[in-house]
Amino acid sequence: MSKLDNFKKFVSNHPEFADYVKKNNVSWQSFYELYDLYGEDDEIWKKYIKDDVGEISIKGLLNTLKNINIDSLEENISSIQKAVGLVEELTRETKKDEEKINPKEEKIDKLYGEV
């Protein structure tokens, strides 16, 4: 695979580069020159890659939603609910067992008066 093909693959994995080119009048040639000089893993790309979690594109959101398997999601939620229910039940049983082993102490002098 040529370096240009690798660059195209790199850019396709980072659609925010296209936005940057459109908004900032930067040429693809300058991006390619940076890629040629620094490669894919250099720190230079951080300023072009959006890290802002609050900014979500509609297209990205729709692609994510499209890839969700609803049946699998329902199964996972059901499994989590069962696990939480089991933990609640075990917690209740443990609490009851502790109360049987260590009953609440009542002061004898309160029950029978001071001795």
PDB file of N, CA and C in Angstrom:
ATOM      1  N   MET A   1       0.855  -1.172   0.000  1.00  0.00           N
ATOM      2  CA  MET A   1       0.000   0.000   0.000  1.00  0.00           C
ATOM      3  C   MET A   1       0.902   1.237   0.000  1.00  0.00           C
ATOM      4  N   SER A   2       0.598   2.197  -0.837  1.00  0.00           N
ATOM      5  CA  SER A   2       1.428   3.402  -0.945  1.00  0.00           C
ATOM      6  C   SER A   2       1.171   4.334   0.236  1.00  0.00           C
ATOM      7  N   LYS A   3       2.066   5.288   0.400  1.00  0.00           N
ATOM      8  CA  LYS A   3       1.918   6.244   1.488  1.00  0.00           C
ATOM      9  C   LYS A   3       0.659   7.087   1.296  1.00  0.00           C
ATOM     10  N   LEU A   4       0.321   7.380   0.051  1.00  0.00           N
ATOM     11  CA  LEU A   4      -0.899   8.134  -0.227  1.00  0.00           C
ATOM     12  C   LEU A   4      -2.138   7.337   0.169  1.00  0.00           C
ATOM     13  N   ASP A   5      -2.128   6.028  -0.099  1.00  0.00           N
ATOM     14  CA  ASP A   5      -3.248   5.177   0.304  1.00  0.00           C
ATOM     15  C   ASP A   5      -3.359   5.122   1.828  1.00  0.00           C
ATOM     16  N   ASN A   6      -2.224   5.042   2.495  1.00  0.00           N
ATOM     17  CA  ASN A   6      -2.228   5.045   3.966  1.00  0.00           C
ATOM     18  C   ASN A   6      -2.781   6.362   4.501  1.00  0.00           C
ATOM     19  N   PHE A   7      -2.406   7.465   3.845  1.00  0.00           N
ATOM     20  CA  PHE A   7      -2.928   8.780   4.245  1.00  0.00           C
ATOM     21  C   PHE A   7      -4.438   8.836   4.066  1.00  0.00           C
ATOM     22  N   LYS A   8      -4.927   8.324   2.942  1.00  0.00           N
ATOM     23  CA  LYS A   8      -6.368   8.323   2.692  1.00  0.00           C
ATOM     24  C   LYS A   8      -7.105   7.510   3.754  1.00  0.00           C
ATOM     25  N   LYS A   9      -6.535   6.380   4.142  1.00  0.00           N
ATOM     26  CA  LYS A   9      -7.146   5.552   5.188  1.00  0.00           C
ATOM     27  C   LYS A   9      -7.136   6.301   6.523  1.00  0.00           C
ATOM     28  N   PHE A  10      -6.025   6.943   6.818  1.00  0.00           N
ATOM     29  CA  PHE A  10      -5.891   7.722   8.053  1.00  0.00           C
ATOM     30  C   PHE A  10      -6.948   8.825   8.098  1.00  0.00           C
ATOM     31  N   VAL A  11      -7.114   9.537   6.999  1.00  0.00           N
ATOM     32  CA  VAL A  11      -8.083  10.624   6.931  1.00  0.00           C
ATOM     33  C   VAL A  11      -9.508  10.087   7.039  1.00  0.00           C
ATOM     34  N   SER A  12      -9.762   8.931   6.436  1.00  0.00           N
ATOM     35  CA  SER A  12     -11.115   8.370   6.519  1.00  0.00           C
ATOM     36  C   SER A  12     -11.466   7.957   7.944  1.00  0.00           C
ATOM     37  N   ASN A  13     -10.463   7.661   8.764  1.00  0.00           N
ATOM     38  CA  ASN A  13     -10.702   7.334  10.174  1.00  0.00           C
ATOM     39  C   ASN A  13     -10.895   8.583  11.034  1.00  0.00           C
ATOM     40  N   HIS A  14     -10.606   9.745  10.460  1.00  0.00           N
ATOM     41  CA  HIS A  14     -10.733  11.016  11.189  1.00  0.00           C
ATOM     42  C   HIS A  14     -11.505  12.018  10.339  1.00  0.00           C
ATOM     43  N   PRO A  15     -12.834  11.885  10.292  1.00  0.00           N
ATOM     44  CA  PRO A  15     -13.649  12.781   9.450  1.00  0.00           C
ATOM     45  C   PRO A  15     -13.572  14.244   9.876  1.00  0.00           C
ATOM     46  N   GLU A  16     -13.096  14.492  11.086  1.00  0.00           N
ATOM     47  CA  GLU A  16     -12.979  15.877  11.540  1.00  0.00           C
ATOM     48  C   GLU A  16     -11.941  16.656  10.732  1.00  0.00           C
ATOM     49  N   PHE A  17     -11.020  15.965  10.045  1.00  0.00           N
ATOM     50  CA  PHE A  17     -10.053  16.649   9.184  1.00  0.00           C
ATOM     51  C   PHE A  17     -10.762  17.372   8.045  1.00  0.00           C
ATOM     52  N   ALA A  18     -11.790  16.747   7.499  1.00  0.00           N
ATOM     53  CA  ALA A  18     -12.543  17.387   6.408  1.00  0.00           C
ATOM     54  C   ALA A  18     -13.194  18.676   6.900  1.00  0.00           C
ATOM     55  N   ASP A  19     -13.747  18.644   8.093  1.00  0.00           N
ATOM     56  CA  ASP A  19     -14.341  19.853   8.675  1.00  0.00           C
ATOM     57  C   ASP A  19     -13.285  20.932   8.862  1.00  0.00           C
ATOM     58  N   TYR A  20     -12.126  20.506   9.337  1.00  0.00           N
ATOM     59  CA  TYR A  20     -11.052  21.464   9.570  1.00  0.00           C
ATOM     60  C   TYR A  20     -10.610  22.101   8.253  1.00  0.00           C
ATOM     61  N   VAL A  21     -10.508  21.308   7.206  1.00  0.00           N
ATOM     62  CA  VAL A  21     -10.106  21.822   5.899  1.00  0.00           C
ATOM     63  C   VAL A  21     -11.137  22.834   5.399  1.00  0.00           C
ATOM     64  N   LYS A  22     -12.422  22.511   5.542  1.00  0.00           N
ATOM     65  CA  LYS A  22     -13.482  23.402   5.071  1.00  0.00           C
ATOM     66  C   LYS A  22     -13.529  24.712   5.858  1.00  0.00           C
ATOM     67  N   LYS A  23     -13.424  24.620   7.172  1.00  0.00           N
ATOM     68  CA  LYS A  23     -13.593  25.795   8.029  1.00  0.00           C
ATOM     69  C   LYS A  23     -12.361  26.686   8.075  1.00  0.00           C
ATOM     70  N   ASN A  24     -11.191  26.115   7.922  1.00  0.00           N
ATOM     71  CA  ASN A  24      -9.962  26.872   8.137  1.00  0.00           C
ATOM     72  C   ASN A  24      -9.140  27.097   6.876  1.00  0.00           C
ATOM     73  N   ASN A  25      -9.707  26.774   5.743  1.00  0.00           N
ATOM     74  CA  ASN A  25      -9.018  26.969   4.461  1.00  0.00           C
ATOM     75  C   ASN A  25      -7.623  26.356   4.437  1.00  0.00           C
ATOM     76  N   VAL A  26      -7.503  25.193   5.022  1.00  0.00           N
ATOM     77  CA  VAL A  26      -6.255  24.437   4.988  1.00  0.00           C
ATOM     78  C   VAL A  26      -6.361  23.457   3.828  1.00  0.00           C
ATOM     79  N   SER A  27      -5.273  23.256   3.129  1.00  0.00           N
ATOM     80  CA  SER A  27      -5.326  22.354   1.976  1.00  0.00           C
ATOM     81  C   SER A  27      -5.029  20.921   2.410  1.00  0.00           C
ATOM     82  N   TRP A  28      -5.534  19.991   1.620  1.00  0.00           N
ATOM     83  CA  TRP A  28      -5.232  18.582   1.858  1.00  0.00           C
ATOM     84  C   TRP A  28      -3.742  18.333   1.657  1.00  0.00           C
ATOM     85  N   GLN A  29      -3.128  19.114   0.792  1.00  0.00           N
ATOM     86  CA  GLN A  29      -1.694  18.973   0.542  1.00  0.00           C
ATOM     87  C   GLN A  29      -0.901  19.231   1.825  1.00  0.00           C
ATOM     88  N   SER A  30      -1.295  20.266   2.565  1.00  0.00           N
ATOM     89  CA  SER A  30      -0.566  20.555   3.811  1.00  0.00           C
ATOM     90  C   SER A  30      -0.773  19.434   4.830  1.00  0.00           C
ATOM     91  N   PHE A  31      -1.975  18.865   4.868  1.00  0.00           N
ATOM     92  CA  PHE A  31      -2.192  17.706   5.747  1.00  0.00           C
ATOM     93  C   PHE A  31      -1.324  16.524   5.319  1.00  0.00           C
ATOM     94  N   TYR A  32      -1.249  16.302   4.031  1.00  0.00           N
ATOM     95  CA  TYR A  32      -0.432  15.188   3.536  1.00  0.00           C
ATOM     96  C   TYR A  32       1.040  15.409   3.866  1.00  0.00           C
ATOM     97  N   GLU A  33       1.509  16.650   3.743  1.00  0.00           N
ATOM     98  CA  GLU A  33       2.909  16.944   4.077  1.00  0.00           C
ATOM     99  C   GLU A  33       3.185  16.679   5.557  1.00  0.00           C
ATOM    100  N   LEU A  34       2.243  17.056   6.422  1.00  0.00           N
ATOM    101  CA  LEU A  34       2.390  16.756   7.855  1.00  0.00           C
ATOM    102  C   LEU A  34       2.423  15.244   8.082  1.00  0.00           C
ATOM    103  N   TYR A  35       1.559  14.543   7.378  1.00  0.00           N
ATOM    104  CA  TYR A  35       1.503  13.082   7.495  1.00  0.00           C
ATOM    105  C   TYR A  35       2.822  12.473   7.034  1.00  0.00           C
ATOM    106  N   ASP A  36       3.345  12.985   5.942  1.00  0.00           N
ATOM    107  CA  ASP A  36       4.594  12.476   5.391  1.00  0.00           C
ATOM    108  C   ASP A  36       5.759  12.728   6.353  1.00  0.00           C
ATOM    109  N   LEU A  37       5.761  13.886   7.001  1.00  0.00           N
ATOM    110  CA  LEU A  37       6.847  14.226   7.923  1.00  0.00           C
ATOM    111  C   LEU A  37       6.740  13.511   9.274  1.00  0.00           C
ATOM    112  N   TYR A  38       5.550  13.484   9.842  1.00  0.00           N
ATOM    113  CA  TYR A  38       5.380  13.028  11.216  1.00  0.00           C
ATOM    114  C   TYR A  38       4.753  11.643  11.362  1.00  0.00           C
ATOM    115  N   GLY A  39       4.012  11.189  10.374  1.00  0.00           N
ATOM    116  CA  GLY A  39       3.333   9.904  10.494  1.00  0.00           C
ATOM    117  C   GLY A  39       2.005  10.041  11.222  1.00  0.00           C
ATOM    118  N   GLU A  40       1.388   8.896  11.514  1.00  0.00           N
ATOM    119  CA  GLU A  40       0.048   8.880  12.120  1.00  0.00           C
ATOM    120  C   GLU A  40       0.041   9.126  13.620  1.00  0.00           C
ATOM    121  N   ASP A  41       1.104   8.736  14.298  1.00  0.00           N
ATOM    122  CA  ASP A  41       1.076   8.685  15.755  1.00  0.00           C
ATOM    123  C   ASP A  41       1.673   9.903  16.443  1.00  0.00           C
ATOM    124  N   ASP A  42       1.945  10.945  15.711  1.00  0.00           N
ATOM    125  CA  ASP A  42       2.582  12.110  16.301  1.00  0.00           C
ATOM    126  C   ASP A  42       1.575  12.976  17.051  1.00  0.00           C
ATOM    127  N   GLU A  43       2.093  13.747  17.996  1.00  0.00           N
ATOM    128  CA  GLU A  43       1.267  14.648  18.814  1.00  0.00           C
ATOM    129  C   GLU A  43       0.641  15.767  17.979  1.00  0.00           C
ATOM    130  N   ILE A  44       1.181  16.023  16.819  1.00  0.00           N
ATOM    131  CA  ILE A  44       0.709  17.130  15.983  1.00  0.00           C
ATOM    132  C   ILE A  44      -0.768  16.988  15.620  1.00  0.00           C
ATOM    133  N   TRP A  45      -1.261  15.770  15.554  1.00  0.00           N
ATOM    134  CA  TRP A  45      -2.648  15.539  15.127  1.00  0.00           C
ATOM    135  C   TRP A  45      -3.663  15.886  16.204  1.00  0.00           C
ATOM    136  N   LYS A  46      -3.212  16.008  17.449  1.00  0.00           N
ATOM    137  CA  LYS A  46      -4.159  16.295  18.536  1.00  0.00           C
ATOM    138  C   LYS A  46      -4.911  17.607  18.334  1.00  0.00           C
ATOM    139  N   LYS A  47      -4.251  18.586  17.732  1.00  0.00           N
ATOM    140  CA  LYS A  47      -4.936  19.867  17.573  1.00  0.00           C
ATOM    141  C   LYS A  47      -5.992  19.830  16.466  1.00  0.00           C
ATOM    142  N   TYR A  48      -5.947  18.826  15.626  1.00  0.00           N
ATOM    143  CA  TYR A  48      -6.928  18.697  14.553  1.00  0.00           C
ATOM    144  C   TYR A  48      -8.050  17.721  14.894  1.00  0.00           C
ATOM    145  N   ILE A  49      -7.797  16.842  15.848  1.00  0.00           N
ATOM    146  CA  ILE A  49      -8.779  15.830  16.217  1.00  0.00           C
ATOM    147  C   ILE A  49      -9.609  16.361  17.380  1.00  0.00           C
ATOM    148  N   LYS A  50     -10.903  16.332  17.223  1.00  0.00           N
ATOM    149  CA  LYS A  50     -11.794  16.833  18.266  1.00  0.00           C
ATOM    150  C   LYS A  50     -11.807  15.874  19.440  1.00  0.00           C
ATOM    151  N   ASP A  51     -11.562  16.424  20.624  1.00  0.00           N
ATOM    152  CA  ASP A  51     -11.681  15.643  21.846  1.00  0.00           C
ATOM    153  C   ASP A  51     -12.896  16.081  22.643  1.00  0.00           C
ATOM    154  N   ASP A  52     -13.658  17.024  22.116  1.00  0.00           N
ATOM    155  CA  ASP A  52     -14.810  17.576  22.816  1.00  0.00           C
ATOM    156  C   ASP A  52     -15.950  16.579  22.782  1.00  0.00           C
ATOM    157  N   VAL A  53     -16.215  15.967  23.932  1.00  0.00           N
ATOM    158  CA  VAL A  53     -17.258  14.952  24.013  1.00  0.00           C
ATOM    159  C   VAL A  53     -18.635  15.574  23.842  1.00  0.00           C
ATOM    160  N   GLY A  54     -18.792  16.829  24.229  1.00  0.00           N
ATOM    161  CA  GLY A  54     -20.083  17.488  24.141  1.00  0.00           C
ATOM    162  C   GLY A  54     -20.515  17.760  22.709  1.00  0.00           C
ATOM    163  N   GLU A  55     -19.584  17.739  21.797  1.00  0.00           N
ATOM    164  CA  GLU A  55     -19.902  18.025  20.407  1.00  0.00           C
ATOM    165  C   GLU A  55     -20.056  16.722  19.636  1.00  0.00           C
ATOM    166  N   ILE A  56     -21.295  16.344  19.385  1.00  0.00           N
ATOM    167  CA  ILE A  56     -21.581  15.081  18.718  1.00  0.00           C
ATOM    168  C   ILE A  56     -22.257  15.389  17.391  1.00  0.00           C
ATOM    169  N   SER A  57     -21.753  14.793  16.351  1.00  0.00           N
ATOM    170  CA  SER A  57     -22.375  15.020  15.051  1.00  0.00           C
ATOM    171  C   SER A  57     -23.584  14.099  14.913  1.00  0.00           C
ATOM    172  N   ILE A  58     -24.570  14.563  14.217  1.00  0.00           N
ATOM    173  CA  ILE A  58     -25.783  13.773  13.981  1.00  0.00           C
ATOM    174  C   ILE A  58     -25.430  12.506  13.202  1.00  0.00           C
ATOM    175  N   LYS A  59     -24.561  12.651  12.211  1.00  0.00           N
ATOM    176  CA  LYS A  59     -24.176  11.498  11.393  1.00  0.00           C
ATOM    177  C   LYS A  59     -23.500  10.429  12.252  1.00  0.00           C
ATOM    178  N   GLY A  60     -22.597  10.847  13.129  1.00  0.00           N
ATOM    179  CA  GLY A  60     -21.919   9.897  14.008  1.00  0.00           C
ATOM    180  C   GLY A  60     -22.890   9.223  14.959  1.00  0.00           C
ATOM    181  N   LEU A  61     -23.836   9.999  15.474  1.00  0.00           N
ATOM    182  CA  LEU A  61     -24.838   9.452  16.381  1.00  0.00           C
ATOM    183  C   LEU A  61     -25.716   8.432  15.667  1.00  0.00           C
ATOM    184  N   LEU A  62     -26.142   8.765  14.448  1.00  0.00           N
ATOM    185  CA  LEU A  62     -26.975   7.839  13.686  1.00  0.00           C
ATOM    186  C   LEU A  62     -26.216   6.560  13.340  1.00  0.00           C
ATOM    187  N   ASN A  63     -24.939   6.686  12.995  1.00  0.00           N
ATOM    188  CA  ASN A  63     -24.135   5.493  12.708  1.00  0.00           C
ATOM    189  C   ASN A  63     -24.004   4.612  13.939  1.00  0.00           C
ATOM    190  N   THR A  64     -23.822   5.230  15.090  1.00  0.00           N
ATOM    191  CA  THR A  64     -23.727   4.462  16.332  1.00  0.00           C
ATOM    192  C   THR A  64     -25.033   3.749  16.625  1.00  0.00           C
ATOM    193  N   LEU A  65     -26.146   4.465  16.504  1.00  0.00           N
ATOM    194  CA  LEU A  65     -27.452   3.869  16.763  1.00  0.00           C
ATOM    195  C   LEU A  65     -27.763   2.751  15.772  1.00  0.00           C
ATOM    196  N   LYS A  66     -27.336   2.919  14.531  1.00  0.00           N
ATOM    197  CA  LYS A  66     -27.590   1.922  13.504  1.00  0.00           C
ATOM    198  C   LYS A  66     -26.863   0.611  13.823  1.00  0.00           C
ATOM    199  N   ASN A  67     -25.717   0.717  14.479  1.00  0.00           N
ATOM    200  CA  ASN A  67     -24.914  -0.468  14.757  1.00  0.00           C
ATOM    201  C   ASN A  67     -25.299  -1.176  16.055  1.00  0.00           C
ATOM    202  N   ILE A  68     -26.271  -0.631  16.787  1.00  0.00           N
ATOM    203  CA  ILE A  68     -26.684  -1.262  18.041  1.00  0.00           C
ATOM    204  C   ILE A  68     -27.638  -2.408  17.733  1.00  0.00           C
ATOM    205  N   ASN A  69     -27.343  -3.558  18.282  1.00  0.00           N
ATOM    206  CA  ASN A  69     -28.212  -4.729  18.152  1.00  0.00           C
ATOM    207  C   ASN A  69     -29.193  -4.688  19.328  1.00  0.00           C
ATOM    208  N   ILE A  70     -30.454  -4.386  19.050  1.00  0.00           N
ATOM    209  CA  ILE A  70     -31.462  -4.205  20.098  1.00  0.00           C
ATOM    210  C   ILE A  70     -31.654  -5.489  20.909  1.00  0.00           C
ATOM    211  N   ASP A  71     -31.678  -6.642  20.251  1.00  0.00           N
ATOM    212  CA  ASP A  71     -31.867  -7.905  20.968  1.00  0.00           C
ATOM    213  C   ASP A  71     -30.727  -8.142  21.956  1.00  0.00           C
ATOM    214  N   SER A  72     -29.519  -7.886  21.507  1.00  0.00           N
ATOM    215  CA  SER A  72     -28.354  -8.057  22.372  1.00  0.00           C
ATOM    216  C   SER A  72     -28.409  -7.071  23.541  1.00  0.00           C
ATOM    217  N   LEU A  73     -28.818  -5.833  23.261  1.00  0.00           N
ATOM    218  CA  LEU A  73     -28.931  -4.822  24.307  1.00  0.00           C
ATOM    219  C   LEU A  73     -29.960  -5.244  25.354  1.00  0.00           C
ATOM    220  N   GLU A  74     -31.106  -5.755  24.912  1.00  0.00           N
ATOM    221  CA  GLU A  74     -32.140  -6.215  25.843  1.00  0.00           C
ATOM    222  C   GLU A  74     -31.635  -7.367  26.700  1.00  0.00           C
ATOM    223  N   GLU A  75     -30.910  -8.305  26.086  1.00  0.00           N
ATOM    224  CA  GLU A  75     -30.355  -9.435  26.835  1.00  0.00           C
ATOM    225  C   GLU A  75     -29.364  -8.943  27.896  1.00  0.00           C
ATOM    226  N   ASN A  76     -28.519  -7.993  27.520  1.00  0.00           N
ATOM    227  CA  ASN A  76     -27.539  -7.464  28.468  1.00  0.00           C
ATOM    228  C   ASN A  76     -28.210  -6.729  29.619  1.00  0.00           C
ATOM    229  N   ILE A  77     -29.239  -5.941  29.315  1.00  0.00           N
ATOM    230  CA  ILE A  77     -29.960  -5.228  30.373  1.00  0.00           C
ATOM    231  C   ILE A  77     -30.644  -6.223  31.294  1.00  0.00           C
ATOM    232  N   SER A  78     -31.236  -7.260  30.729  1.00  0.00           N
ATOM    233  CA  SER A  78     -31.889  -8.294  31.532  1.00  0.00           C
ATOM    234  C   SER A  78     -30.882  -8.983  32.449  1.00  0.00           C
ATOM    235  N   SER A  79     -29.714  -9.290  31.935  1.00  0.00           N
ATOM    236  CA  SER A  79     -28.670  -9.931  32.739  1.00  0.00           C
ATOM    237  C   SER A  79     -28.225  -9.026  33.876  1.00  0.00           C
ATOM    238  N   ILE A  80     -28.087  -7.744  33.592  1.00  0.00           N
ATOM    239  CA  ILE A  80     -27.678  -6.792  34.627  1.00  0.00           C
ATOM    240  C   ILE A  80     -28.750  -6.686  35.699  1.00  0.00           C
ATOM    241  N   GLN A  81     -30.027  -6.661  35.283  1.00  0.00           N
ATOM    242  CA  GLN A  81     -31.115  -6.589  36.256  1.00  0.00           C
ATOM    243  C   GLN A  81     -31.120  -7.822  37.156  1.00  0.00           C
ATOM    244  N   LYS A  82     -30.898  -9.007  36.568  1.00  0.00           N
ATOM    245  CA  LYS A  82     -30.851 -10.233  37.368  1.00  0.00           C
ATOM    246  C   LYS A  82     -29.692 -10.192  38.355  1.00  0.00           C
ATOM    247  N   ALA A  83     -28.544  -9.709  37.914  1.00  0.00           N
ATOM    248  CA  ALA A  83     -27.376  -9.629  38.791  1.00  0.00           C
ATOM    249  C   ALA A  83     -27.626  -8.666  39.946  1.00  0.00           C
ATOM    250  N   VAL A  84     -28.244  -7.528  39.662  1.00  0.00           N
ATOM    251  CA  VAL A  84     -28.556  -6.563  40.718  1.00  0.00           C
ATOM    252  C   VAL A  84     -29.560  -7.164  41.694  1.00  0.00           C
ATOM    253  N   GLY A  85     -30.564  -7.858  41.184  1.00  0.00           N
ATOM    254  CA  GLY A  85     -31.539  -8.516  42.054  1.00  0.00           C
ATOM    255  C   GLY A  85     -30.884  -9.555  42.943  1.00  0.00           C
ATOM    256  N   LEU A  86     -29.959 -10.322  42.407  1.00  0.00           N
ATOM    257  CA  LEU A  86     -29.246 -11.331  43.187  1.00  0.00           C
ATOM    258  C   LEU A  86     -28.419 -10.676  44.289  1.00  0.00           C
ATOM    259  N   VAL A  87     -27.748  -9.598  43.968  1.00  0.00           N
ATOM    260  CA  VAL A  87     -26.949  -8.888  44.977  1.00  0.00           C
ATOM    261  C   VAL A  87     -27.852  -8.343  46.072  1.00  0.00           C
ATOM    262  N   GLU A  88     -29.018  -7.792  45.695  1.00  0.00           N
ATOM    263  CA  GLU A  88     -29.956  -7.286  46.698  1.00  0.00           C
ATOM    264  C   GLU A  88     -30.433  -8.409  47.610  1.00  0.00           C
ATOM    265  N   GLU A  89     -30.759  -9.547  47.017  1.00  0.00           N
ATOM    266  CA  GLU A  89     -31.237 -10.691  47.799  1.00  0.00           C
ATOM    267  C   GLU A  89     -30.154 -11.189  48.752  1.00  0.00           C
ATOM    268  N   LEU A  90     -28.932 -11.316  48.260  1.00  0.00           N
ATOM    269  CA  LEU A  90     -27.832 -11.771  49.118  1.00  0.00           C
ATOM    270  C   LEU A  90     -27.564 -10.785  50.240  1.00  0.00           C
ATOM    271  N   THR A  91     -27.689  -9.503  49.955  1.00  0.00           N
ATOM    272  CA  THR A  91     -27.479  -8.482  50.981  1.00  0.00           C
ATOM    273  C   THR A  91     -28.546  -8.599  52.066  1.00  0.00           C
ATOM    274  N   ARG A  92     -29.804  -8.797  51.648  1.00  0.00           N
ATOM    275  CA  ARG A  92     -30.888  -8.958  52.625  1.00  0.00           C
ATOM    276  C   ARG A  92     -30.663 -10.194  53.492  1.00  0.00           C
ATOM    277  N   GLU A  93     -30.299 -11.324  52.861  1.00  0.00           N
ATOM    278  CA  GLU A  93     -30.067 -12.563  53.598  1.00  0.00           C
ATOM    279  C   GLU A  93     -28.898 -12.425  54.565  1.00  0.00           C
ATOM    280  N   THR A  94     -27.841 -11.765  54.139  1.00  0.00           N
ATOM    281  CA  THR A  94     -26.674 -11.563  55.000  1.00  0.00           C
ATOM    282  C   THR A  94     -27.052 -10.715  56.199  1.00  0.00           C
ATOM    283  N   LYS A  95     -27.867  -9.693  55.973  1.00  0.00           N
ATOM    284  CA  LYS A  95     -28.291  -8.820  57.061  1.00  0.00           C
ATOM    285  C   LYS A  95     -29.149  -9.599  58.062  1.00  0.00           C
ATOM    286  N   LYS A  96     -30.051 -10.456  57.554  1.00  0.00           N
ATOM    287  CA  LYS A  96     -30.888 -11.274  58.441  1.00  0.00           C
ATOM    288  C   LYS A  96     -30.031 -12.244  59.246  1.00  0.00           C
ATOM    289  N   ASP A  97     -29.060 -12.873  58.589  1.00  0.00           N
ATOM    290  CA  ASP A  97     -28.172 -13.813  59.281  1.00  0.00           C
ATOM    291  C   ASP A  97     -27.370 -13.108  60.373  1.00  0.00           C
ATOM    292  N   GLU A  98     -26.912 -11.916  60.118  1.00  0.00           N
ATOM    293  CA  GLU A  98     -26.157 -11.163  61.119  1.00  0.00           C
ATOM    294  C   GLU A  98     -27.033 -10.819  62.313  1.00  0.00           C
ATOM    295  N   GLU A  99     -28.303 -10.503  62.053  1.00  0.00           N
ATOM    296  CA  GLU A  99     -29.211 -10.182  63.143  1.00  0.00           C
ATOM    297  C   GLU A  99     -29.490 -11.411  64.003  1.00  0.00           C
ATOM    298  N   LYS A 100     -29.534 -12.603  63.372  1.00  0.00           N
ATOM    299  CA  LYS A 100     -29.741 -13.836  64.133  1.00  0.00           C
ATOM    300  C   LYS A 100     -28.527 -14.155  64.989  1.00  0.00           C
ATOM    301  N   ILE A 101     -27.343 -13.950  64.443  1.00  0.00           N
ATOM    302  CA  ILE A 101     -26.112 -14.266  65.166  1.00  0.00           C
ATOM    303  C   ILE A 101     -25.844 -13.231  66.249  1.00  0.00           C
ATOM    304  N   ASN A 102     -26.024 -11.977  65.931  1.00  0.00           N
ATOM    305  CA  ASN A 102     -25.765 -10.895  66.877  1.00  0.00           C
ATOM    306  C   ASN A 102     -27.051 -10.125  67.136  1.00  0.00           C
ATOM    307  N   PRO A 103     -27.932 -10.665  67.990  1.00  0.00           N
ATOM    308  CA  PRO A 103     -29.177  -9.936  68.246  1.00  0.00           C
ATOM    309  C   PRO A 103     -28.853  -8.604  68.922  1.00  0.00           C
ATOM    310  N   LYS A 104     -29.744  -7.687  68.737  1.00  0.00           N
ATOM    311  CA  LYS A 104     -29.532  -6.374  69.336  1.00  0.00           C
ATOM    312  C   LYS A 104     -29.520  -6.516  70.854  1.00  0.00           C
ATOM    313  N   GLU A 105     -28.508  -5.930  71.429  1.00  0.00           N
ATOM    314  CA  GLU A 105     -28.380  -6.000  72.890  1.00  0.00           C
ATOM    315  C   GLU A 105     -29.285  -4.956  73.526  1.00  0.00           C
ATOM    316  N   GLU A 106     -30.011  -5.401  74.522  1.00  0.00           N
ATOM    317  CA  GLU A 106     -30.815  -4.465  75.275  1.00  0.00           C
ATOM    318  C   GLU A 106     -30.242  -4.420  76.678  1.00  0.00           C
ATOM    319  N   LYS A 107     -30.193  -3.277  77.205  1.00  0.00           N
ATOM    320  CA  LYS A 107     -29.628  -3.157  78.542  1.00  0.00           C
ATOM    321  C   LYS A 107     -30.607  -3.751  79.546  1.00  0.00           C
ATOM    322  N   ILE A 108     -30.076  -4.610  80.380  1.00  0.00           N
ATOM    323  CA  ILE A 108     -30.894  -5.298  81.375  1.00  0.00           C
ATOM    324  C   ILE A 108     -31.488  -4.305  82.359  1.00  0.00           C
ATOM    325  N   ASP A 109     -30.730  -3.291  82.713  1.00  0.00           N
ATOM    326  CA  ASP A 109     -31.237  -2.344  83.710  1.00  0.00           C
ATOM    327  C   ASP A 109     -32.436  -1.560  83.188  1.00  0.00           C
ATOM    328  N   LYS A 110     -32.573  -1.433  81.877  1.00  0.00           N
ATOM    329  CA  LYS A 110     -33.748  -0.746  81.355  1.00  0.00           C
ATOM    330  C   LYS A 110     -34.962  -1.665  81.429  1.00  0.00           C
ATOM    331  N   LEU A 111     -34.746  -2.977  81.235  1.00  0.00           N
ATOM    332  CA  LEU A 111     -35.859  -3.912  81.273  1.00  0.00           C
ATOM    333  C   LEU A 111     -36.311  -4.192  82.706  1.00  0.00           C
ATOM    334  N   TYR A 112     -35.366  -4.371  83.612  1.00  0.00           N
ATOM    335  CA  TYR A 112     -35.716  -4.787  84.968  1.00  0.00           C
ATOM    336  C   TYR A 112     -35.463  -3.719  86.002  1.00  0.00           C
ATOM    337  N   GLY A 113     -35.109  -2.582  85.549  1.00  0.00           N
ATOM    338  CA  GLY A 113     -34.769  -1.531  86.488  1.00  0.00           C
ATOM    339  C   GLY A 113     -33.314  -1.712  86.902  1.00  0.00           C
ATOM    340  N   GLU A 114     -32.805  -0.738  87.577  1.00  0.00           N
ATOM    341  CA  GLU A 114     -31.401  -0.816  87.959  1.00  0.00           C
ATOM    342  C   GLU A 114     -31.194  -1.916  88.977  1.00  0.00           C
ATOM    343  N   VAL A 115     -30.162  -2.706  88.744  1.00  0.00           N
ATOM    344  CA  VAL A 115     -29.871  -3.830  89.619  1.00  0.00           C
ATOM    345  C   VAL A 115     -28.701  -3.517  90.497  1.00  0.00           C
TER     346      VAL A 115
END
